[in-house]
Amino acid sequence: MANDIQQVNILTRREIEALIAAPIIRAFAEKLGTEEALAILQPVIEDLAHQSGKAAAELVGGDSVGHFVTALEAWSAGDGYQFDVVKQTDDAYEWNVTHCAYADMYARLGMADLGYQLSCARDFAMVEGFNPKMKLERTMTRMEGAPVCDFRLSLQND
């Protein structure tokens, strides 16, 4: 049964999650304040993302940069992203997301204010779960109104 969820693309899963999570988050924000509610949410989202990264590495059979590129196909399924590859080597992968259907979906649902926390905030923990020796840098996101999301992934060799 747990594997059945893998049949649903991640964009659709995020929409289902948002429809459940957003009203709960808003209720907590009303009682505690937005900052406090999001502070409670953040480690939960990061833990889920870390687990997701580990599962993705297992699913694609490894944790190299090449394996990560293969895993990235799941996040872009269902036209989740349109992106341009800037650089791809054995120890680096850099890409710019030029269109993000996740941002569009949160806006359509009236949840644009929560989109970053529900999706973008997952990225760093997901990469760490995929491979603790990988480092992700990102200075801007479409979710926050930037023209691109600038993802820079590198494998840190000790």
N, C-alpha and C. Protein backbone atom coordinates (compact mmCIF):
# COMPACT_ATOMS: atom_id res chain seq x y z
N MET A 1 0.81 -1.19 0.00
CA MET A 1 0.00 0.00 0.00
C MET A 1 0.86 1.26 0.00
N ALA A 2 1.95 1.26 0.77
CA ALA A 2 2.81 2.45 0.84
C ALA A 2 3.38 2.81 -0.52
N ASN A 3 3.65 1.82 -1.35
CA ASN A 3 4.19 2.10 -2.67
C ASN A 3 3.14 2.66 -3.62
N ASP A 4 1.86 2.49 -3.29
CA ASP A 4 0.81 3.01 -4.15
C ASP A 4 0.89 4.52 -4.30
N ILE A 5 1.33 5.21 -3.27
CA ILE A 5 1.43 6.67 -3.32
C ILE A 5 2.44 7.10 -4.37
N GLN A 6 3.41 6.24 -4.67
CA GLN A 6 4.41 6.56 -5.69
C GLN A 6 3.79 6.66 -7.08
N GLN A 7 2.59 6.14 -7.23
CA GLN A 7 1.90 6.21 -8.52
C GLN A 7 1.30 7.60 -8.76
N VAL A 8 1.21 8.40 -7.71
CA VAL A 8 0.66 9.75 -7.81
C VAL A 8 1.84 10.71 -7.92
N ASN A 9 1.84 11.58 -8.95
CA ASN A 9 2.98 12.48 -9.10
C ASN A 9 3.08 13.44 -7.92
N ILE A 10 4.28 13.94 -7.69
CA ILE A 10 4.55 14.74 -6.50
C ILE A 10 3.75 16.04 -6.50
N LEU A 11 3.55 16.63 -7.66
CA LEU A 11 2.75 17.86 -7.73
C LEU A 11 1.35 17.62 -7.19
N THR A 12 0.73 16.52 -7.58
CA THR A 12 -0.60 16.17 -7.08
C THR A 12 -0.57 15.86 -5.59
N ARG A 13 0.48 15.17 -5.14
CA ARG A 13 0.60 14.90 -3.70
C ARG A 13 0.70 16.19 -2.91
N ARG A 14 1.48 17.16 -3.41
CA ARG A 14 1.62 18.44 -2.70
C ARG A 14 0.28 19.18 -2.64
N GLU A 15 -0.52 19.07 -3.69
CA GLU A 15 -1.83 19.72 -3.67
C GLU A 15 -2.73 19.08 -2.62
N ILE A 16 -2.74 17.77 -2.57
CA ILE A 16 -3.55 17.07 -1.56
C ILE A 16 -3.08 17.46 -0.16
N GLU A 17 -1.76 17.43 0.04
CA GLU A 17 -1.20 17.80 1.35
C GLU A 17 -1.59 19.23 1.72
N ALA A 18 -1.49 20.15 0.75
CA ALA A 18 -1.79 21.56 1.02
C ALA A 18 -3.25 21.75 1.42
N LEU A 19 -4.14 21.02 0.77
CA LEU A 19 -5.56 21.15 1.09
C LEU A 19 -5.86 20.70 2.51
N ILE A 20 -5.04 19.81 3.02
CA ILE A 20 -5.20 19.35 4.40
C ILE A 20 -4.42 20.24 5.36
N ALA A 21 -3.16 20.51 5.02
CA ALA A 21 -2.26 21.22 5.93
C ALA A 21 -2.59 22.70 6.09
N ALA A 22 -2.94 23.36 5.01
CA ALA A 22 -3.14 24.82 5.07
C ALA A 22 -4.20 25.24 6.10
N PRO A 23 -5.37 24.61 6.13
CA PRO A 23 -6.35 25.02 7.15
C PRO A 23 -5.84 24.78 8.58
N ILE A 24 -5.07 23.72 8.77
CA ILE A 24 -4.51 23.45 10.10
C ILE A 24 -3.47 24.51 10.45
N ILE A 25 -2.59 24.81 9.49
CA ILE A 25 -1.56 25.83 9.72
C ILE A 25 -2.21 27.18 10.01
N ARG A 26 -3.24 27.53 9.26
CA ARG A 26 -3.91 28.81 9.47
C ARG A 26 -4.59 28.87 10.85
N ALA A 27 -5.14 27.74 11.29
CA ALA A 27 -5.76 27.71 12.62
C ALA A 27 -4.71 27.91 13.70
N PHE A 28 -3.56 27.24 13.56
CA PHE A 28 -2.47 27.44 14.52
C PHE A 28 -1.95 28.87 14.46
N ALA A 29 -1.84 29.43 13.26
CA ALA A 29 -1.36 30.80 13.10
C ALA A 29 -2.30 31.79 13.78
N GLU A 30 -3.60 31.52 13.69
CA GLU A 30 -4.58 32.41 14.33
C GLU A 30 -4.42 32.40 15.85
N LYS A 31 -4.10 31.25 16.41
CA LYS A 31 -3.96 31.13 17.88
C LYS A 31 -2.58 31.53 18.38
N LEU A 32 -1.54 31.16 17.60
CA LEU A 32 -0.17 31.34 18.07
C LEU A 32 0.58 32.49 17.39
N GLY A 33 0.05 32.92 16.25
CA GLY A 33 0.77 33.86 15.42
C GLY A 33 1.44 33.11 14.29
N THR A 34 1.56 33.76 13.15
CA THR A 34 2.10 33.10 11.96
C THR A 34 3.53 32.63 12.17
N GLU A 35 4.35 33.49 12.76
CA GLU A 35 5.76 33.14 12.95
C GLU A 35 5.92 31.89 13.80
N GLU A 36 5.19 31.81 14.89
CA GLU A 36 5.28 30.65 15.78
C GLU A 36 4.73 29.40 15.10
N ALA A 37 3.63 29.51 14.39
CA ALA A 37 3.05 28.35 13.70
C ALA A 37 4.03 27.81 12.65
N LEU A 38 4.66 28.70 11.90
CA LEU A 38 5.61 28.26 10.89
C LEU A 38 6.88 27.69 11.52
N ALA A 39 7.27 28.20 12.67
CA ALA A 39 8.42 27.65 13.38
C ALA A 39 8.16 26.22 13.84
N ILE A 40 6.93 25.93 14.21
CA ILE A 40 6.55 24.57 14.59
C ILE A 40 6.52 23.68 13.36
N LEU A 41 6.03 24.20 12.25
CA LEU A 41 5.91 23.45 11.00
C LEU A 41 7.27 23.09 10.40
N GLN A 42 8.22 23.99 10.45
CA GLN A 42 9.48 23.81 9.73
C GLN A 42 10.20 22.49 10.01
N PRO A 43 10.44 22.10 11.27
CA PRO A 43 11.14 20.83 11.48
C PRO A 43 10.35 19.61 11.01
N VAL A 44 9.05 19.70 11.04
CA VAL A 44 8.22 18.59 10.55
C VAL A 44 8.41 18.44 9.05
N ILE A 45 8.33 19.55 8.32
CA ILE A 45 8.53 19.54 6.86
C ILE A 45 9.94 19.05 6.53
N GLU A 46 10.93 19.54 7.28
CA GLU A 46 12.32 19.14 7.01
C GLU A 46 12.53 17.64 7.26
N ASP A 47 11.92 17.10 8.30
CA ASP A 47 12.04 15.67 8.57
C ASP A 47 11.40 14.85 7.46
N LEU A 48 10.22 15.26 7.02
CA LEU A 48 9.56 14.56 5.91
C LEU A 48 10.42 14.63 4.64
N ALA A 49 11.02 15.78 4.40
CA ALA A 49 11.86 15.96 3.21
C ALA A 49 13.11 15.09 3.30
N HIS A 50 13.71 15.01 4.47
CA HIS A 50 14.90 14.19 4.66
C HIS A 50 14.57 12.73 4.35
N GLN A 51 13.44 12.26 4.88
CA GLN A 51 12.99 10.89 4.61
C GLN A 51 12.75 10.70 3.12
N SER A 52 12.17 11.71 2.47
CA SER A 52 11.89 11.65 1.04
C SER A 52 13.19 11.54 0.23
N GLY A 53 14.20 12.27 0.64
CA GLY A 53 15.50 12.20 -0.04
C GLY A 53 16.11 10.82 0.08
N LYS A 54 16.07 10.24 1.28
CA LYS A 54 16.59 8.89 1.48
C LYS A 54 15.83 7.89 0.60
N ALA A 55 14.51 8.02 0.59
CA ALA A 55 13.69 7.11 -0.21
C ALA A 55 13.99 7.27 -1.70
N ALA A 56 14.22 8.50 -2.13
CA ALA A 56 14.53 8.74 -3.55
C ALA A 56 15.84 8.08 -3.94
N ALA A 57 16.85 8.18 -3.08
CA ALA A 57 18.14 7.53 -3.37
C ALA A 57 17.97 6.02 -3.46
N GLU A 58 17.17 5.46 -2.57
CA GLU A 58 16.91 4.02 -2.63
C GLU A 58 16.17 3.65 -3.90
N LEU A 59 15.19 4.46 -4.26
CA LEU A 59 14.37 4.19 -5.44
C LEU A 59 15.20 4.19 -6.72
N VAL A 60 16.15 5.13 -6.84
CA VAL A 60 16.94 5.22 -8.07
C VAL A 60 18.23 4.40 -7.99
N GLY A 61 18.48 3.77 -6.85
CA GLY A 61 19.59 2.84 -6.73
C GLY A 61 20.95 3.45 -6.46
N GLY A 62 20.99 4.65 -5.89
CA GLY A 62 22.27 5.25 -5.56
C GLY A 62 22.12 6.70 -5.17
N ASP A 63 23.26 7.30 -4.76
CA ASP A 63 23.20 8.69 -4.30
C ASP A 63 24.22 9.60 -4.98
N SER A 64 24.62 9.25 -6.19
CA SER A 64 25.53 10.09 -6.96
C SER A 64 24.77 11.27 -7.56
N VAL A 65 25.51 12.20 -8.13
CA VAL A 65 24.87 13.32 -8.82
C VAL A 65 24.00 12.80 -9.96
N GLY A 66 24.49 11.83 -10.69
CA GLY A 66 23.69 11.23 -11.77
C GLY A 66 22.41 10.61 -11.27
N HIS A 67 22.48 9.94 -10.13
CA HIS A 67 21.27 9.39 -9.53
C HIS A 67 20.31 10.50 -9.12
N PHE A 68 20.86 11.60 -8.60
CA PHE A 68 20.01 12.72 -8.21
C PHE A 68 19.26 13.27 -9.42
N VAL A 69 19.95 13.40 -10.54
CA VAL A 69 19.31 13.90 -11.77
C VAL A 69 18.16 12.98 -12.16
N THR A 70 18.36 11.68 -12.02
CA THR A 70 17.28 10.73 -12.30
C THR A 70 16.12 10.94 -11.34
N ALA A 71 16.43 11.11 -10.06
CA ALA A 71 15.38 11.33 -9.06
C ALA A 71 14.62 12.62 -9.31
N LEU A 72 15.30 13.62 -9.81
CA LEU A 72 14.68 14.92 -10.08
C LEU A 72 13.52 14.80 -11.07
N GLU A 73 13.55 13.78 -11.90
CA GLU A 73 12.46 13.57 -12.86
C GLU A 73 11.12 13.40 -12.14
N ALA A 74 11.13 12.81 -10.95
CA ALA A 74 9.88 12.63 -10.19
C ALA A 74 9.30 13.97 -9.77
N TRP A 75 10.16 14.93 -9.39
CA TRP A 75 9.66 16.24 -8.96
C TRP A 75 9.16 17.07 -10.13
N SER A 76 9.67 16.79 -11.32
CA SER A 76 9.21 17.55 -12.48
C SER A 76 8.08 16.86 -13.23
N ALA A 77 7.70 15.67 -12.79
CA ALA A 77 6.59 14.94 -13.43
C ALA A 77 5.30 15.75 -13.33
N GLY A 78 4.43 15.57 -14.29
CA GLY A 78 3.17 16.31 -14.31
C GLY A 78 3.40 17.77 -14.63
N ASP A 79 4.46 18.04 -15.40
CA ASP A 79 4.84 19.41 -15.75
C ASP A 79 5.12 20.26 -14.52
N GLY A 80 5.69 19.63 -13.48
CA GLY A 80 6.00 20.32 -12.24
C GLY A 80 6.96 21.48 -12.42
N TYR A 81 7.94 21.28 -13.28
CA TYR A 81 8.93 22.33 -13.52
C TYR A 81 9.28 22.40 -14.99
N GLN A 82 9.70 23.55 -15.40
CA GLN A 82 10.44 23.71 -16.65
C GLN A 82 11.76 24.30 -16.21
N PHE A 83 12.86 23.74 -16.68
CA PHE A 83 14.15 24.22 -16.21
C PHE A 83 15.21 24.10 -17.29
N ASP A 84 16.25 24.89 -17.10
CA ASP A 84 17.41 24.87 -17.98
C ASP A 84 18.59 24.36 -17.17
N VAL A 85 19.30 23.40 -17.73
CA VAL A 85 20.50 22.89 -17.08
C VAL A 85 21.64 23.86 -17.37
N VAL A 86 22.30 24.30 -16.31
CA VAL A 86 23.42 25.23 -16.42
C VAL A 86 24.73 24.45 -16.50
N LYS A 87 24.83 23.38 -15.67
CA LYS A 87 26.06 22.60 -15.61
C LYS A 87 25.73 21.20 -15.11
N GLN A 88 26.38 20.20 -15.70
CA GLN A 88 26.24 18.84 -15.20
C GLN A 88 27.57 18.13 -15.34
N THR A 89 28.13 17.73 -14.20
CA THR A 89 29.35 16.94 -14.15
C THR A 89 29.14 15.81 -13.16
N ASP A 90 30.18 15.02 -12.92
CA ASP A 90 30.08 13.94 -11.94
C ASP A 90 29.89 14.44 -10.52
N ASP A 91 30.33 15.68 -10.26
CA ASP A 91 30.22 16.18 -8.89
C ASP A 91 29.45 17.50 -8.77
N ALA A 92 28.71 17.86 -9.82
CA ALA A 92 27.90 19.08 -9.75
C ALA A 92 26.72 19.00 -10.72
N TYR A 93 25.63 19.59 -10.29
CA TYR A 93 24.46 19.74 -11.15
C TYR A 93 23.86 21.09 -10.82
N GLU A 94 23.74 21.93 -11.83
CA GLU A 94 23.19 23.27 -11.64
C GLU A 94 22.07 23.48 -12.63
N TRP A 95 20.95 24.01 -12.15
CA TRP A 95 19.82 24.24 -13.03
C TRP A 95 19.02 25.42 -12.53
N ASN A 96 18.33 26.04 -13.47
CA ASN A 96 17.44 27.17 -13.17
C ASN A 96 16.02 26.75 -13.52
N VAL A 97 15.14 26.82 -12.56
CA VAL A 97 13.73 26.55 -12.82
C VAL A 97 13.13 27.83 -13.39
N THR A 98 12.60 27.74 -14.59
CA THR A 98 12.04 28.90 -15.27
C THR A 98 10.52 28.97 -15.13
N HIS A 99 9.90 27.85 -14.84
CA HIS A 99 8.46 27.81 -14.57
C HIS A 99 8.22 26.77 -13.49
N CYS A 100 7.41 27.11 -12.51
CA CYS A 100 7.14 26.22 -11.39
C CYS A 100 5.63 26.03 -11.24
N ALA A 101 5.16 24.85 -11.58
CA ALA A 101 3.74 24.55 -11.45
C ALA A 101 3.33 24.46 -9.98
N TYR A 102 4.29 24.22 -9.09
CA TYR A 102 4.00 24.20 -7.66
C TYR A 102 3.57 25.59 -7.22
N ALA A 103 4.32 26.62 -7.64
CA ALA A 103 3.96 28.00 -7.30
C ALA A 103 2.59 28.35 -7.87
N ASP A 104 2.33 27.92 -9.10
CA ASP A 104 1.02 28.17 -9.73
C ASP A 104 -0.10 27.51 -8.95
N MET A 105 0.16 26.27 -8.50
CA MET A 105 -0.86 25.52 -7.77
C MET A 105 -1.19 26.19 -6.44
N TYR A 106 -0.16 26.59 -5.69
CA TYR A 106 -0.43 27.26 -4.41
C TYR A 106 -1.18 28.57 -4.63
N ALA A 107 -0.83 29.31 -5.66
CA ALA A 107 -1.53 30.57 -5.96
C ALA A 107 -3.00 30.28 -6.30
N ARG A 108 -3.23 29.26 -7.12
CA ARG A 108 -4.60 28.89 -7.52
C ARG A 108 -5.45 28.51 -6.32
N LEU A 109 -4.82 27.88 -5.32
CA LEU A 109 -5.53 27.45 -4.12
C LEU A 109 -5.66 28.56 -3.08
N GLY A 110 -5.09 29.73 -3.37
CA GLY A 110 -5.11 30.82 -2.40
C GLY A 110 -4.14 30.59 -1.26
N MET A 111 -3.08 29.84 -1.53
CA MET A 111 -2.10 29.48 -0.51
C MET A 111 -0.69 29.93 -0.88
N ALA A 112 -0.59 30.94 -1.70
CA ALA A 112 0.73 31.39 -2.14
C ALA A 112 1.62 31.75 -0.96
N ASP A 113 1.02 32.24 0.11
CA ASP A 113 1.79 32.62 1.30
C ASP A 113 2.39 31.42 2.02
N LEU A 114 1.88 30.23 1.78
CA LEU A 114 2.40 29.02 2.42
C LEU A 114 3.23 28.15 1.49
N GLY A 115 3.25 28.48 0.22
CA GLY A 115 3.94 27.65 -0.77
C GLY A 115 5.40 27.42 -0.47
N TYR A 116 6.11 28.46 -0.05
CA TYR A 116 7.53 28.30 0.23
C TYR A 116 7.73 27.27 1.35
N GLN A 117 6.96 27.41 2.44
CA GLN A 117 7.13 26.49 3.56
C GLN A 117 6.72 25.06 3.19
N LEU A 118 5.67 24.92 2.41
CA LEU A 118 5.17 23.59 2.08
C LEU A 118 5.97 22.88 0.99
N SER A 119 6.68 23.63 0.16
CA SER A 119 7.44 22.99 -0.92
C SER A 119 8.92 23.38 -0.92
N CYS A 120 9.22 24.63 -1.11
CA CYS A 120 10.62 25.07 -1.27
C CYS A 120 11.47 24.76 -0.04
N ALA A 121 10.89 24.88 1.13
CA ALA A 121 11.65 24.66 2.36
C ALA A 121 12.09 23.20 2.50
N ARG A 122 11.55 22.33 1.69
CA ARG A 122 11.93 20.92 1.73
C ARG A 122 13.27 20.65 1.06
N ASP A 123 13.66 21.50 0.13
CA ASP A 123 14.75 21.17 -0.78
C ASP A 123 16.07 20.83 -0.10
N PHE A 124 16.49 21.63 0.86
CA PHE A 124 17.80 21.42 1.49
C PHE A 124 17.83 20.12 2.29
N ALA A 125 16.79 19.85 3.06
CA ALA A 125 16.72 18.61 3.83
C ALA A 125 16.58 17.40 2.91
N MET A 126 15.87 17.55 1.82
CA MET A 126 15.72 16.45 0.88
C MET A 126 17.08 16.07 0.30
N VAL A 127 17.87 17.08 -0.10
CA VAL A 127 19.20 16.82 -0.65
C VAL A 127 20.07 16.13 0.40
N GLU A 128 20.03 16.60 1.64
CA GLU A 128 20.83 15.97 2.70
C GLU A 128 20.41 14.52 2.90
N GLY A 129 19.11 14.25 2.84
CA GLY A 129 18.64 12.87 2.96
C GLY A 129 19.09 12.02 1.79
N PHE A 130 19.12 12.62 0.61
CA PHE A 130 19.55 11.89 -0.59
C PHE A 130 21.02 11.49 -0.46
N ASN A 131 21.86 12.45 -0.05
CA ASN A 131 23.28 12.19 0.14
C ASN A 131 23.85 13.27 1.05
N PRO A 132 24.24 12.91 2.27
CA PRO A 132 24.75 13.91 3.22
C PRO A 132 25.99 14.66 2.73
N LYS A 133 26.67 14.13 1.71
CA LYS A 133 27.85 14.80 1.17
C LYS A 133 27.51 15.80 0.07
N MET A 134 26.23 15.92 -0.25
CA MET A 134 25.80 16.90 -1.25
C MET A 134 25.46 18.21 -0.57
N LYS A 135 25.76 19.29 -1.25
CA LYS A 135 25.42 20.62 -0.75
C LYS A 135 24.55 21.30 -1.80
N LEU A 136 23.47 21.90 -1.34
CA LEU A 136 22.58 22.64 -2.22
C LEU A 136 22.67 24.12 -1.87
N GLU A 137 22.81 24.93 -2.88
CA GLU A 137 22.73 26.38 -2.72
C GLU A 137 21.61 26.88 -3.60
N ARG A 138 20.87 27.85 -3.09
CA ARG A 138 19.80 28.48 -3.86
C ARG A 138 19.60 29.87 -3.27
N THR A 139 19.64 30.87 -4.12
CA THR A 139 19.52 32.24 -3.62
C THR A 139 18.16 32.86 -3.90
N MET A 140 17.37 32.23 -4.77
CA MET A 140 16.06 32.80 -5.08
C MET A 140 15.12 31.71 -5.58
N THR A 141 13.82 31.98 -5.44
CA THR A 141 12.81 31.03 -5.91
C THR A 141 11.69 31.74 -6.65
N ARG A 142 11.07 31.02 -7.55
CA ARG A 142 9.88 31.51 -8.25
C ARG A 142 8.76 31.71 -7.24
N MET A 143 8.71 30.85 -6.23
CA MET A 143 7.65 30.93 -5.22
C MET A 143 7.68 32.28 -4.51
N GLU A 144 8.88 32.86 -4.40
CA GLU A 144 9.04 34.16 -3.74
C GLU A 144 9.03 35.31 -4.74
N GLY A 145 8.72 35.01 -6.01
CA GLY A 145 8.58 36.06 -7.01
C GLY A 145 9.80 36.30 -7.89
N ALA A 146 10.85 35.54 -7.70
CA ALA A 146 12.06 35.70 -8.53
C ALA A 146 11.80 35.15 -9.94
N PRO A 147 12.59 35.56 -10.92
CA PRO A 147 12.39 35.07 -12.28
C PRO A 147 12.75 33.60 -12.45
N VAL A 148 13.65 33.08 -11.61
CA VAL A 148 14.05 31.67 -11.65
C VAL A 148 14.34 31.20 -10.23
N CYS A 149 14.36 29.88 -10.08
CA CYS A 149 14.94 29.27 -8.89
C CYS A 149 16.33 28.81 -9.33
N ASP A 150 17.36 29.27 -8.64
CA ASP A 150 18.73 28.96 -9.06
C ASP A 150 19.33 27.86 -8.18
N PHE A 151 19.15 26.63 -8.58
CA PHE A 151 19.64 25.48 -7.83
C PHE A 151 21.08 25.18 -8.23
N ARG A 152 21.95 25.04 -7.21
CA ARG A 152 23.35 24.70 -7.42
C ARG A 152 23.69 23.57 -6.46
N LEU A 153 23.83 22.38 -7.02
CA LEU A 153 24.10 21.17 -6.24
C LEU A 153 25.54 20.75 -6.47
N SER A 154 26.24 20.45 -5.39
CA SER A 154 27.62 19.97 -5.54
C SER A 154 27.87 18.82 -4.56
N LEU A 155 28.72 17.92 -4.99
CA LEU A 155 29.12 16.80 -4.15
C LEU A 155 30.39 17.21 -3.44
N GLN A 156 30.36 17.20 -2.12
CA GLN A 156 31.51 17.62 -1.32
C GLN A 156 32.41 16.41 -1.08
N ASN A 157 33.59 16.47 -1.64
CA ASN A 157 34.56 15.39 -1.46
C ASN A 157 35.46 15.73 -0.28
N ASP A 158 35.44 14.87 0.73
CA ASP A 158 36.22 15.14 1.95
C ASP A 158 37.70 15.09 1.70
